[in-house]
Amino acid sequence: WLKFPLRSLPSSFNPEKIKEINMCHSQI
């Protein structure tokens, strides 16, 4: 998610199968 606009990911987010998190140029 390029340029993700929010301060964080959802607190309920628990992606146990996630392989890649790519959030360049984000507002994280």
mmCIF file of all heavy atoms, coordinates in Angstrom:
data_MODEL
# 
_entry.id   MODEL 
# 
loop_
_atom_site.group_PDB 
_atom_site.id 
_atom_site.type_symbol 
_atom_site.label_atom_id 
_atom_site.label_alt_id 
_atom_site.label_comp_id 
_atom_site.label_asym_id 
_atom_site.label_entity_id 
_atom_site.label_seq_id 
_atom_site.pdbx_PDB_ins_code 
_atom_site.Cartn_x 
_atom_site.Cartn_y 
_atom_site.Cartn_z 
_atom_site.occupancy 
_atom_site.B_iso_or_equiv 
_atom_site.pdbx_formal_charge 
_atom_site.auth_seq_id 
_atom_site.auth_comp_id 
_atom_site.auth_asym_id 
_atom_site.auth_atom_id 
_atom_site.pdbx_PDB_model_num 
ATOM 1   N N   . TRP A 1 1  ? 0.859  -1.184  0.000  1.00 0.00 ? 1  TRP A N   1 
ATOM 2   C CA  . TRP A 1 1  ? 0.000  0.000   0.000  1.00 0.00 ? 1  TRP A CA  1 
ATOM 3   C C   . TRP A 1 1  ? 0.890  1.227   0.000  1.00 0.00 ? 1  TRP A C   1 
ATOM 4   O O   . TRP A 1 1  ? 1.332  1.707   1.044  1.00 0.00 ? 1  TRP A O   1 
ATOM 5   C CB  . TRP A 1 1  ? -0.922 -0.015  1.207  1.00 0.00 ? 1  TRP A CB  1 
ATOM 6   C CG  . TRP A 1 1  ? -2.057 0.972   1.142  1.00 0.00 ? 1  TRP A CG  1 
ATOM 7   C CD1 . TRP A 1 1  ? -2.039 2.216   0.585  1.00 0.00 ? 1  TRP A CD1 1 
ATOM 8   C CD2 . TRP A 1 1  ? -3.381 0.791   1.667  1.00 0.00 ? 1  TRP A CD2 1 
ATOM 9   N NE1 . TRP A 1 1  ? -3.252 2.821   0.721  1.00 0.00 ? 1  TRP A NE1 1 
ATOM 10  C CE2 . TRP A 1 1  ? -4.092 1.974   1.387  1.00 0.00 ? 1  TRP A CE2 1 
ATOM 11  C CE3 . TRP A 1 1  ? -4.010 -0.244  2.360  1.00 0.00 ? 1  TRP A CE3 1 
ATOM 12  C CZ2 . TRP A 1 1  ? -5.425 2.144   1.775  1.00 0.00 ? 1  TRP A CZ2 1 
ATOM 13  C CZ3 . TRP A 1 1  ? -5.317 -0.070  2.737  1.00 0.00 ? 1  TRP A CZ3 1 
ATOM 14  C CH2 . TRP A 1 1  ? -6.027 1.099   2.447  1.00 0.00 ? 1  TRP A CH2 1 
ATOM 15  N N   . LEU A 1 2  ? 1.190  1.750   -1.180 1.00 0.00 ? 2  LEU A N   1 
ATOM 16  C CA  . LEU A 1 2  ? 2.004  2.945   -1.314 1.00 0.00 ? 2  LEU A CA  1 
ATOM 17  C C   . LEU A 1 2  ? 1.227  4.153   -0.802 1.00 0.00 ? 2  LEU A C   1 
ATOM 18  O O   . LEU A 1 2  ? 0.052  4.328   -1.120 1.00 0.00 ? 2  LEU A O   1 
ATOM 19  C CB  . LEU A 1 2  ? 2.379  3.148   -2.787 1.00 0.00 ? 2  LEU A CB  1 
ATOM 20  C CG  . LEU A 1 2  ? 3.299  4.318   -3.108 1.00 0.00 ? 2  LEU A CG  1 
ATOM 21  C CD1 . LEU A 1 2  ? 4.688  4.065   -2.552 1.00 0.00 ? 2  LEU A CD1 1 
ATOM 22  C CD2 . LEU A 1 2  ? 3.363  4.546   -4.617 1.00 0.00 ? 2  LEU A CD2 1 
ATOM 23  N N   . LYS A 1 3  ? 1.875  4.966   0.027  1.00 0.00 ? 3  LYS A N   1 
ATOM 24  C CA  . LYS A 1 3  ? 1.268  6.178   0.593  1.00 0.00 ? 3  LYS A CA  1 
ATOM 25  C C   . LYS A 1 3  ? 0.053  5.856   1.469  1.00 0.00 ? 3  LYS A C   1 
ATOM 26  O O   . LYS A 1 3  ? -0.955 6.552   1.425  1.00 0.00 ? 3  LYS A O   1 
ATOM 27  C CB  . LYS A 1 3  ? 0.894  7.161   -0.522 1.00 0.00 ? 3  LYS A CB  1 
ATOM 28  C CG  . LYS A 1 3  ? 2.094  7.639   -1.337 1.00 0.00 ? 3  LYS A CG  1 
ATOM 29  C CD  . LYS A 1 3  ? 1.696  8.649   -2.405 1.00 0.00 ? 3  LYS A CD  1 
ATOM 30  C CE  . LYS A 1 3  ? 2.901  9.119   -3.191 1.00 0.00 ? 3  LYS A CE  1 
ATOM 31  N NZ  . LYS A 1 3  ? 2.523  10.080  -4.241 1.00 0.00 ? 3  LYS A NZ  1 
ATOM 32  N N   . PHE A 1 4  ? 0.167  4.810   2.255  1.00 0.00 ? 4  PHE A N   1 
ATOM 33  C CA  . PHE A 1 4  ? -0.888 4.477   3.220  1.00 0.00 ? 4  PHE A CA  1 
ATOM 34  C C   . PHE A 1 4  ? -1.195 5.711   4.057  1.00 0.00 ? 4  PHE A C   1 
ATOM 35  O O   . PHE A 1 4  ? -0.293 6.312   4.652  1.00 0.00 ? 4  PHE A O   1 
ATOM 36  C CB  . PHE A 1 4  ? -0.419 3.324   4.102  1.00 0.00 ? 4  PHE A CB  1 
ATOM 37  C CG  . PHE A 1 4  ? -1.425 2.850   5.108  1.00 0.00 ? 4  PHE A CG  1 
ATOM 38  C CD1 . PHE A 1 4  ? -2.508 2.090   4.715  1.00 0.00 ? 4  PHE A CD1 1 
ATOM 39  C CD2 . PHE A 1 4  ? -1.285 3.166   6.460  1.00 0.00 ? 4  PHE A CD2 1 
ATOM 40  C CE1 . PHE A 1 4  ? -3.437 1.623   5.655  1.00 0.00 ? 4  PHE A CE1 1 
ATOM 41  C CE2 . PHE A 1 4  ? -2.198 2.718   7.402  1.00 0.00 ? 4  PHE A CE2 1 
ATOM 42  C CZ  . PHE A 1 4  ? -3.284 1.953   6.995  1.00 0.00 ? 4  PHE A CZ  1 
ATOM 43  N N   . PRO A 1 5  ? -2.474 6.133   4.151  1.00 0.00 ? 5  PRO A N   1 
ATOM 44  C CA  . PRO A 1 5  ? -2.782 7.458   4.694  1.00 0.00 ? 5  PRO A CA  1 
ATOM 45  C C   . PRO A 1 5  ? -2.997 7.540   6.204  1.00 0.00 ? 5  PRO A C   1 
ATOM 46  O O   . PRO A 1 5  ? -3.239 8.640   6.711  1.00 0.00 ? 5  PRO A O   1 
ATOM 47  C CB  . PRO A 1 5  ? -4.085 7.811   3.968  1.00 0.00 ? 5  PRO A CB  1 
ATOM 48  C CG  . PRO A 1 5  ? -4.763 6.493   3.768  1.00 0.00 ? 5  PRO A CG  1 
ATOM 49  C CD  . PRO A 1 5  ? -3.649 5.501   3.534  1.00 0.00 ? 5  PRO A CD  1 
ATOM 50  N N   . LEU A 1 6  ? -2.927 6.418   6.923  1.00 0.00 ? 6  LEU A N   1 
ATOM 51  C CA  . LEU A 1 6  ? -3.265 6.432   8.345  1.00 0.00 ? 6  LEU A CA  1 
ATOM 52  C C   . LEU A 1 6  ? -2.045 6.229   9.233  1.00 0.00 ? 6  LEU A C   1 
ATOM 53  O O   . LEU A 1 6  ? -0.969 5.844   8.773  1.00 0.00 ? 6  LEU A O   1 
ATOM 54  C CB  . LEU A 1 6  ? -4.313 5.357   8.634  1.00 0.00 ? 6  LEU A CB  1 
ATOM 55  C CG  . LEU A 1 6  ? -5.614 5.486   7.837  1.00 0.00 ? 6  LEU A CG  1 
ATOM 56  C CD1 . LEU A 1 6  ? -6.546 4.344   8.158  1.00 0.00 ? 6  LEU A CD1 1 
ATOM 57  C CD2 . LEU A 1 6  ? -6.289 6.824   8.104  1.00 0.00 ? 6  LEU A CD2 1 
ATOM 58  N N   . ARG A 1 7  ? -2.226 6.465   10.538 1.00 0.00 ? 7  ARG A N   1 
ATOM 59  C CA  . ARG A 1 7  ? -1.128 6.397   11.500 1.00 0.00 ? 7  ARG A CA  1 
ATOM 60  C C   . ARG A 1 7  ? -0.692 4.976   11.830 1.00 0.00 ? 7  ARG A C   1 
ATOM 61  O O   . ARG A 1 7  ? 0.444  4.748   12.235 1.00 0.00 ? 7  ARG A O   1 
ATOM 62  C CB  . ARG A 1 7  ? -1.536 7.098   12.800 1.00 0.00 ? 7  ARG A CB  1 
ATOM 63  C CG  . ARG A 1 7  ? -1.668 8.593   12.685 1.00 0.00 ? 7  ARG A CG  1 
ATOM 64  C CD  . ARG A 1 7  ? -2.354 9.183   13.906 1.00 0.00 ? 7  ARG A CD  1 
ATOM 65  N NE  . ARG A 1 7  ? -1.723 8.790   15.150 1.00 0.00 ? 7  ARG A NE  1 
ATOM 66  C CZ  . ARG A 1 7  ? -0.733 9.461   15.733 1.00 0.00 ? 7  ARG A CZ  1 
ATOM 67  N NH1 . ARG A 1 7  ? -0.275 10.555  15.172 1.00 0.00 ? 7  ARG A NH1 1 
ATOM 68  N NH2 . ARG A 1 7  ? -0.215 9.038   16.874 1.00 0.00 ? 7  ARG A NH2 1 
ATOM 69  N N   . SER A 1 8  ? -1.602 4.003   11.686 1.00 0.00 ? 8  SER A N   1 
ATOM 70  C CA  . SER A 1 8  ? -1.266 2.619   12.012 1.00 0.00 ? 8  SER A CA  1 
ATOM 71  C C   . SER A 1 8  ? -2.218 1.683   11.290 1.00 0.00 ? 8  SER A C   1 
ATOM 72  O O   . SER A 1 8  ? -3.241 2.109   10.743 1.00 0.00 ? 8  SER A O   1 
ATOM 73  C CB  . SER A 1 8  ? -1.344 2.380   13.519 1.00 0.00 ? 8  SER A CB  1 
ATOM 74  O OG  . SER A 1 8  ? -2.687 2.426   13.955 1.00 0.00 ? 8  SER A OG  1 
ATOM 75  N N   . LEU A 1 9  ? -1.893 0.407   11.322 1.00 0.00 ? 9  LEU A N   1 
ATOM 76  C CA  . LEU A 1 9  ? -2.805 -0.612  10.835 1.00 0.00 ? 9  LEU A CA  1 
ATOM 77  C C   . LEU A 1 9  ? -3.903 -0.832  11.868 1.00 0.00 ? 9  LEU A C   1 
ATOM 78  O O   . LEU A 1 9  ? -3.727 -0.497  13.040 1.00 0.00 ? 9  LEU A O   1 
ATOM 79  C CB  . LEU A 1 9  ? -2.034 -1.909  10.578 1.00 0.00 ? 9  LEU A CB  1 
ATOM 80  C CG  . LEU A 1 9  ? -1.063 -1.859  9.399  1.00 0.00 ? 9  LEU A CG  1 
ATOM 81  C CD1 . LEU A 1 9  ? -0.147 -3.078  9.412  1.00 0.00 ? 9  LEU A CD1 1 
ATOM 82  C CD2 . LEU A 1 9  ? -1.810 -1.783  8.075  1.00 0.00 ? 9  LEU A CD2 1 
ATOM 83  N N   . PRO A 1 10 ? -5.041 -1.400  11.477 1.00 0.00 ? 10 PRO A N   1 
ATOM 84  C CA  . PRO A 1 10 ? -6.120 -1.634  12.449 1.00 0.00 ? 10 PRO A CA  1 
ATOM 85  C C   . PRO A 1 10 ? -5.629 -2.474  13.625 1.00 0.00 ? 10 PRO A C   1 
ATOM 86  O O   . PRO A 1 10 ? -4.867 -3.426  13.455 1.00 0.00 ? 10 PRO A O   1 
ATOM 87  C CB  . PRO A 1 10 ? -7.175 -2.388  11.624 1.00 0.00 ? 10 PRO A CB  1 
ATOM 88  C CG  . PRO A 1 10 ? -6.907 -2.012  10.210 1.00 0.00 ? 10 PRO A CG  1 
ATOM 89  C CD  . PRO A 1 10 ? -5.428 -1.824  10.116 1.00 0.00 ? 10 PRO A CD  1 
ATOM 90  N N   . SER A 1 11 ? -6.082 -2.142  14.820 1.00 0.00 ? 11 SER A N   1 
ATOM 91  C CA  . SER A 1 11 ? -5.643 -2.859  16.017 1.00 0.00 ? 11 SER A CA  1 
ATOM 92  C C   . SER A 1 11 ? -6.060 -4.327  15.993 1.00 0.00 ? 11 SER A C   1 
ATOM 93  O O   . SER A 1 11 ? -5.412 -5.183  16.606 1.00 0.00 ? 11 SER A O   1 
ATOM 94  C CB  . SER A 1 11 ? -6.202 -2.180  17.272 1.00 0.00 ? 11 SER A CB  1 
ATOM 95  O OG  . SER A 1 11 ? -7.613 -2.128  17.226 1.00 0.00 ? 11 SER A OG  1 
ATOM 96  N N   . SER A 1 12 ? -7.145 -4.634  15.261 1.00 0.00 ? 12 SER A N   1 
ATOM 97  C CA  . SER A 1 12 ? -7.639 -6.013  15.178 1.00 0.00 ? 12 SER A CA  1 
ATOM 98  C C   . SER A 1 12 ? -6.903 -6.838  14.132 1.00 0.00 ? 12 SER A C   1 
ATOM 99  O O   . SER A 1 12 ? -7.117 -8.052  14.034 1.00 0.00 ? 12 SER A O   1 
ATOM 100 C CB  . SER A 1 12 ? -9.136 -6.004  14.846 1.00 0.00 ? 12 SER A CB  1 
ATOM 101 O OG  . SER A 1 12 ? -9.360 -5.384  13.591 1.00 0.00 ? 12 SER A OG  1 
ATOM 102 N N   . PHE A 1 13 ? -6.036 -6.215  13.373 1.00 0.00 ? 13 PHE A N   1 
ATOM 103 C CA  . PHE A 1 13 ? -5.361 -6.881  12.260 1.00 0.00 ? 13 PHE A CA  1 
ATOM 104 C C   . PHE A 1 13 ? -4.333 -7.871  12.786 1.00 0.00 ? 13 PHE A C   1 
ATOM 105 O O   . PHE A 1 13 ? -3.380 -7.502  13.464 1.00 0.00 ? 13 PHE A O   1 
ATOM 106 C CB  . PHE A 1 13 ? -4.681 -5.817  11.397 1.00 0.00 ? 13 PHE A CB  1 
ATOM 107 C CG  . PHE A 1 13 ? -4.074 -6.328  10.127 1.00 0.00 ? 13 PHE A CG  1 
ATOM 108 C CD1 . PHE A 1 13 ? -4.765 -7.202  9.296  1.00 0.00 ? 13 PHE A CD1 1 
ATOM 109 C CD2 . PHE A 1 13 ? -2.817 -5.906  9.735  1.00 0.00 ? 13 PHE A CD2 1 
ATOM 110 C CE1 . PHE A 1 13 ? -4.201 -7.646  8.105  1.00 0.00 ? 13 PHE A CE1 1 
ATOM 111 C CE2 . PHE A 1 13 ? -2.247 -6.340  8.552  1.00 0.00 ? 13 PHE A CE2 1 
ATOM 112 C CZ  . PHE A 1 13 ? -2.945 -7.215  7.734  1.00 0.00 ? 13 PHE A CZ  1 
ATOM 113 N N   . ASN A 1 14 ? -4.538 -9.160  12.497 1.00 0.00 ? 14 ASN A N   1 
ATOM 114 C CA  . ASN A 1 14 ? -3.626 -10.194 12.969 1.00 0.00 ? 14 ASN A CA  1 
ATOM 115 C C   . ASN A 1 14 ? -3.404 -11.210 11.846 1.00 0.00 ? 14 ASN A C   1 
ATOM 116 O O   . ASN A 1 14 ? -3.899 -12.332 11.893 1.00 0.00 ? 14 ASN A O   1 
ATOM 117 C CB  . ASN A 1 14 ? -4.181 -10.884 14.213 1.00 0.00 ? 14 ASN A CB  1 
ATOM 118 C CG  . ASN A 1 14 ? -3.158 -11.792 14.859 1.00 0.00 ? 14 ASN A CG  1 
ATOM 119 O OD1 . ASN A 1 14 ? -1.959 -11.539 14.783 1.00 0.00 ? 14 ASN A OD1 1 
ATOM 120 N ND2 . ASN A 1 14 ? -3.614 -12.863 15.484 1.00 0.00 ? 14 ASN A ND2 1 
ATOM 121 N N   . PRO A 1 15 ? -2.649 -10.808 10.820 1.00 0.00 ? 15 PRO A N   1 
ATOM 122 C CA  . PRO A 1 15 ? -2.505 -11.620 9.613  1.00 0.00 ? 15 PRO A CA  1 
ATOM 123 C C   . PRO A 1 15 ? -1.448 -12.706 9.772  1.00 0.00 ? 15 PRO A C   1 
ATOM 124 O O   . PRO A 1 15 ? -0.298 -12.546 9.374  1.00 0.00 ? 15 PRO A O   1 
ATOM 125 C CB  . PRO A 1 15 ? -2.078 -10.587 8.567  1.00 0.00 ? 15 PRO A CB  1 
ATOM 126 C CG  . PRO A 1 15 ? -1.269 -9.605  9.361  1.00 0.00 ? 15 PRO A CG  1 
ATOM 127 C CD  . PRO A 1 15 ? -1.885 -9.560  10.732 1.00 0.00 ? 15 PRO A CD  1 
ATOM 128 N N   . GLU A 1 16 ? -1.817 -13.822 10.314 1.00 0.00 ? 16 GLU A N   1 
ATOM 129 C CA  . GLU A 1 16 ? -0.847 -14.873 10.633 1.00 0.00 ? 16 GLU A CA  1 
ATOM 130 C C   . GLU A 1 16 ? -0.176 -15.464 9.396  1.00 0.00 ? 16 GLU A C   1 
ATOM 131 O O   . GLU A 1 16 ? 0.886  -16.081 9.510  1.00 0.00 ? 16 GLU A O   1 
ATOM 132 C CB  . GLU A 1 16 ? -1.538 -15.976 11.435 1.00 0.00 ? 16 GLU A CB  1 
ATOM 133 C CG  . GLU A 1 16 ? -2.015 -15.510 12.806 1.00 0.00 ? 16 GLU A CG  1 
ATOM 134 C CD  . GLU A 1 16 ? -2.647 -16.615 13.618 1.00 0.00 ? 16 GLU A CD  1 
ATOM 135 O OE1 . GLU A 1 16 ? -2.806 -17.738 13.069 1.00 0.00 ? 16 GLU A OE1 1 
ATOM 136 O OE2 . GLU A 1 16 ? -2.975 -16.384 14.787 1.00 0.00 ? 16 GLU A OE2 1 
ATOM 137 N N   . LYS A 1 17 ? -0.773 -15.256 8.205  1.00 0.00 ? 17 LYS A N   1 
ATOM 138 C CA  . LYS A 1 17 ? -0.200 -15.807 6.977  1.00 0.00 ? 17 LYS A CA  1 
ATOM 139 C C   . LYS A 1 17 ? 0.575  -14.767 6.169  1.00 0.00 ? 17 LYS A C   1 
ATOM 140 O O   . LYS A 1 17 ? 1.061  -15.071 5.085  1.00 0.00 ? 17 LYS A O   1 
ATOM 141 C CB  . LYS A 1 17 ? -1.318 -16.395 6.108  1.00 0.00 ? 17 LYS A CB  1 
ATOM 142 C CG  . LYS A 1 17 ? -2.109 -17.503 6.779  1.00 0.00 ? 17 LYS A CG  1 
ATOM 143 C CD  . LYS A 1 17 ? -3.249 -17.977 5.904  1.00 0.00 ? 17 LYS A CD  1 
ATOM 144 C CE  . LYS A 1 17 ? -4.092 -19.039 6.605  1.00 0.00 ? 17 LYS A CE  1 
ATOM 145 N NZ  . LYS A 1 17 ? -5.248 -19.459 5.766  1.00 0.00 ? 17 LYS A NZ  1 
ATOM 146 N N   . ILE A 1 18 ? 0.716  -13.550 6.693  1.00 0.00 ? 18 ILE A N   1 
ATOM 147 C CA  . ILE A 1 18 ? 1.324  -12.463 5.925  1.00 0.00 ? 18 ILE A CA  1 
ATOM 148 C C   . ILE A 1 18 ? 2.788  -12.770 5.609  1.00 0.00 ? 18 ILE A C   1 
ATOM 149 O O   . ILE A 1 18 ? 3.532  -13.256 6.459  1.00 0.00 ? 18 ILE A O   1 
ATOM 150 C CB  . ILE A 1 18 ? 1.202  -11.123 6.688  1.00 0.00 ? 18 ILE A CB  1 
ATOM 151 C CG1 . ILE A 1 18 ? 1.472  -9.921  5.788  1.00 0.00 ? 18 ILE A CG1 1 
ATOM 152 C CG2 . ILE A 1 18 ? 2.111  -11.086 7.899  1.00 0.00 ? 18 ILE A CG2 1 
ATOM 153 C CD1 . ILE A 1 18 ? 0.327  -9.510  4.947  1.00 0.00 ? 18 ILE A CD1 1 
ATOM 154 N N   . LYS A 1 19 ? 3.179  -12.519 4.355  1.00 0.00 ? 19 LYS A N   1 
ATOM 155 C CA  . LYS A 1 19 ? 4.554  -12.744 3.919  1.00 0.00 ? 19 LYS A CA  1 
ATOM 156 C C   . LYS A 1 19 ? 5.293  -11.431 3.664  1.00 0.00 ? 19 LYS A C   1 
ATOM 157 O O   . LYS A 1 19 ? 6.501  -11.366 3.827  1.00 0.00 ? 19 LYS A O   1 
ATOM 158 C CB  . LYS A 1 19 ? 4.561  -13.579 2.635  1.00 0.00 ? 19 LYS A CB  1 
ATOM 159 C CG  . LYS A 1 19 ? 3.957  -14.966 2.806  1.00 0.00 ? 19 LYS A CG  1 
ATOM 160 C CD  . LYS A 1 19 ? 3.922  -15.703 1.476  1.00 0.00 ? 19 LYS A CD  1 
ATOM 161 C CE  . LYS A 1 19 ? 3.296  -17.086 1.639  1.00 0.00 ? 19 LYS A CE  1 
ATOM 162 N NZ  . LYS A 1 19 ? 3.202  -17.803 0.334  1.00 0.00 ? 19 LYS A NZ  1 
ATOM 163 N N   . GLU A 1 20 ? 4.545  -10.410 3.233  1.00 0.00 ? 20 GLU A N   1 
ATOM 164 C CA  . GLU A 1 20 ? 5.175  -9.144  2.864  1.00 0.00 ? 20 GLU A CA  1 
ATOM 165 C C   . GLU A 1 20 ? 4.306  -7.976  3.288  1.00 0.00 ? 20 GLU A C   1 
ATOM 166 O O   . GLU A 1 20 ? 3.108  -7.949  3.014  1.00 0.00 ? 20 GLU A O   1 
ATOM 167 C CB  . GLU A 1 20 ? 5.400  -9.088  1.350  1.00 0.00 ? 20 GLU A CB  1 
ATOM 168 C CG  . GLU A 1 20 ? 5.968  -7.769  0.855  1.00 0.00 ? 20 GLU A CG  1 
ATOM 169 C CD  . GLU A 1 20 ? 6.066  -7.710  -0.665 1.00 0.00 ? 20 GLU A CD  1 
ATOM 170 O OE1 . GLU A 1 20 ? 6.055  -8.782  -1.306 1.00 0.00 ? 20 GLU A OE1 1 
ATOM 171 O OE2 . GLU A 1 20 ? 6.145  -6.587  -1.200 1.00 0.00 ? 20 GLU A OE2 1 
ATOM 172 N N   . ILE A 1 21 ? 4.927  -6.998  3.954  1.00 0.00 ? 21 ILE A N   1 
ATOM 173 C CA  . ILE A 1 21 ? 4.293  -5.717  4.255  1.00 0.00 ? 21 ILE A CA  1 
ATOM 174 C C   . ILE A 1 21 ? 5.151  -4.643  3.601  1.00 0.00 ? 21 ILE A C   1 
ATOM 175 O O   . ILE A 1 21 ? 6.305  -4.433  3.997  1.00 0.00 ? 21 ILE A O   1 
ATOM 176 C CB  . ILE A 1 21 ? 4.188  -5.465  5.771  1.00 0.00 ? 21 ILE A CB  1 
ATOM 177 C CG1 . ILE A 1 21 ? 3.290  -6.522  6.427  1.00 0.00 ? 21 ILE A CG1 1 
ATOM 178 C CG2 . ILE A 1 21 ? 3.641  -4.067  6.047  1.00 0.00 ? 21 ILE A CG2 1 
ATOM 179 C CD1 . ILE A 1 21 ? 3.246  -6.437  7.943  1.00 0.00 ? 21 ILE A CD1 1 
ATOM 180 N N   . ASN A 1 22 ? 4.602  -3.999  2.609  1.00 0.00 ? 22 ASN A N   1 
ATOM 181 C CA  . ASN A 1 22 ? 5.333  -2.991  1.849  1.00 0.00 ? 22 ASN A CA  1 
ATOM 182 C C   . ASN A 1 22 ? 4.490  -1.725  1.834  1.00 0.00 ? 22 ASN A C   1 
ATOM 183 O O   . ASN A 1 22 ? 3.476  -1.651  1.134  1.00 0.00 ? 22 ASN A O   1 
ATOM 184 C CB  . ASN A 1 22 ? 5.601  -3.493  0.423  1.00 0.00 ? 22 ASN A CB  1 
ATOM 185 C CG  . ASN A 1 22 ? 6.582  -2.607  -0.326 1.00 0.00 ? 22 ASN A CG  1 
ATOM 186 O OD1 . ASN A 1 22 ? 6.652  -1.406  -0.089 1.00 0.00 ? 22 ASN A OD1 1 
ATOM 187 N ND2 . ASN A 1 22 ? 7.327  -3.207  -1.238 1.00 0.00 ? 22 ASN A ND2 1 
ATOM 188 N N   . MET A 1 23 ? 4.897  -0.736  2.608  1.00 0.00 ? 23 MET A N   1 
ATOM 189 C CA  . MET A 1 23 ? 4.109  0.490   2.764  1.00 0.00 ? 23 MET A CA  1 
ATOM 190 C C   . MET A 1 23 ? 5.028  1.705   2.679  1.00 0.00 ? 23 MET A C   1 
ATOM 191 O O   . MET A 1 23 ? 5.120  2.511   3.607  1.00 0.00 ? 23 MET A O   1 
ATOM 192 C CB  . MET A 1 23 ? 3.339  0.447   4.081  1.00 0.00 ? 23 MET A CB  1 
ATOM 193 C CG  . MET A 1 23 ? 2.423  -0.772  4.196  1.00 0.00 ? 23 MET A CG  1 
ATOM 194 S SD  . MET A 1 23 ? 1.680  -0.980  5.818  1.00 0.00 ? 23 MET A SD  1 
ATOM 195 C CE  . MET A 1 23 ? 0.462  0.313   5.785  1.00 0.00 ? 23 MET A CE  1 
ATOM 196 N N   . CYS A 1 24 ? 5.709  1.846   1.556  1.00 0.00 ? 24 CYS A N   1 
ATOM 197 C CA  . CYS A 1 24 ? 6.627  2.965   1.348  1.00 0.00 ? 24 CYS A CA  1 
ATOM 198 C C   . CYS A 1 24 ? 5.857  4.289   1.299  1.00 0.00 ? 24 CYS A C   1 
ATOM 199 O O   . CYS A 1 24 ? 4.699  4.332   0.892  1.00 0.00 ? 24 CYS A O   1 
ATOM 200 C CB  . CYS A 1 24 ? 7.380  2.781   0.035  1.00 0.00 ? 24 CYS A CB  1 
ATOM 201 S SG  . CYS A 1 24 ? 8.323  1.259   -0.078 1.00 0.00 ? 24 CYS A SG  1 
ATOM 202 N N   . HIS A 1 25 ? 6.533  5.362   1.703  1.00 0.00 ? 25 HIS A N   1 
ATOM 203 C CA  . HIS A 1 25 ? 5.977  6.719   1.611  1.00 0.00 ? 25 HIS A CA  1 
ATOM 204 C C   . HIS A 1 25 ? 4.634  6.832   2.338  1.00 0.00 ? 25 HIS A C   1 
ATOM 205 O O   . HIS A 1 25 ? 3.752  7.573   1.915  1.00 0.00 ? 25 HIS A O   1 
ATOM 206 C CB  . HIS A 1 25 ? 5.812  7.128   0.150  1.00 0.00 ? 25 HIS A CB  1 
ATOM 207 C CG  . HIS A 1 25 ? 7.095  7.162   -0.618 1.00 0.00 ? 25 HIS A CG  1 
ATOM 208 N ND1 . HIS A 1 25 ? 7.956  8.236   -0.590 1.00 0.00 ? 25 HIS A ND1 1 
ATOM 209 C CD2 . HIS A 1 25 ? 7.681  6.229   -1.419 1.00 0.00 ? 25 HIS A CD2 1 
ATOM 210 C CE1 . HIS A 1 25 ? 9.017  7.979   -1.353 1.00 0.00 ? 25 HIS A CE1 1 
ATOM 211 N NE2 . HIS A 1 25 ? 8.878  6.777   -1.862 1.00 0.00 ? 25 HIS A NE2 1 
ATOM 212 N N   . SER A 1 26 ? 4.478  6.084   3.419  1.00 0.00 ? 26 SER A N   1 
ATOM 213 C CA  . SER A 1 26 ? 3.205  6.073   4.138  1.00 0.00 ? 26 SER A CA  1 
ATOM 214 C C   . SER A 1 26 ? 3.184  7.146   5.222  1.00 0.00 ? 26 SER A C   1 
ATOM 215 O O   . SER A 1 26 ? 4.193  7.793   5.520  1.00 0.00 ? 26 SER A O   1 
ATOM 216 C CB  . SER A 1 26 ? 2.974  4.703   4.774  1.00 0.00 ? 26 SER A CB  1 
ATOM 217 O OG  . SER A 1 26 ? 3.844  4.529   5.881  1.00 0.00 ? 26 SER A OG  1 
ATOM 218 N N   . GLN A 1 27 ? 2.010  7.314   5.835  1.00 0.00 ? 27 GLN A N   1 
ATOM 219 C CA  . GLN A 1 27 ? 1.852  8.209   6.976  1.00 0.00 ? 27 GLN A CA  1 
ATOM 220 C C   . GLN A 1 27 ? 1.942  7.446   8.302  1.00 0.00 ? 27 GLN A C   1 
ATOM 221 O O   . GLN A 1 27 ? 1.624  7.995   9.360  1.00 0.00 ? 27 GLN A O   1 
ATOM 222 C CB  . GLN A 1 27 ? 0.487  8.908   6.890  1.00 0.00 ? 27 GLN A CB  1 
ATOM 223 C CG  . GLN A 1 27 ? 0.324  9.811   5.690  1.00 0.00 ? 27 GLN A CG  1 
ATOM 224 C CD  . GLN A 1 27 ? 1.318  10.961  5.692  1.00 0.00 ? 27 GLN A CD  1 
ATOM 225 O OE1 . GLN A 1 27 ? 1.522  11.603  6.716  1.00 0.00 ? 27 GLN A OE1 1 
ATOM 226 N NE2 . GLN A 1 27 ? 1.935  11.206  4.554  1.00 0.00 ? 27 GLN A NE2 1 
ATOM 227 N N   . ILE A 1 28 ? 2.397  6.221   8.235  1.00 0.00 ? 28 ILE A N   1 
ATOM 228 C CA  . ILE A 1 28 ? 2.495  5.355   9.411  1.00 0.00 ? 28 ILE A CA  1 
ATOM 229 C C   . ILE A 1 28 ? 3.351  6.005   10.513 1.00 0.00 ? 28 ILE A C   1 
ATOM 230 O O   . ILE A 1 28 ? 4.447  6.514   10.246 1.00 0.00 ? 28 ILE A O   1 
ATOM 231 C CB  . ILE A 1 28 ? 3.100  3.992   9.007  1.00 0.00 ? 28 ILE A CB  1 
ATOM 232 C CG1 . ILE A 1 28 ? 2.065  3.106   8.328  1.00 0.00 ? 28 ILE A CG1 1 
ATOM 233 C CG2 . ILE A 1 28 ? 3.712  3.275   10.182 1.00 0.00 ? 28 ILE A CG2 1 
ATOM 234 C CD1 . ILE A 1 28 ? 1.118  2.419   9.271  1.00 0.00 ? 28 ILE A CD1 1 
# 
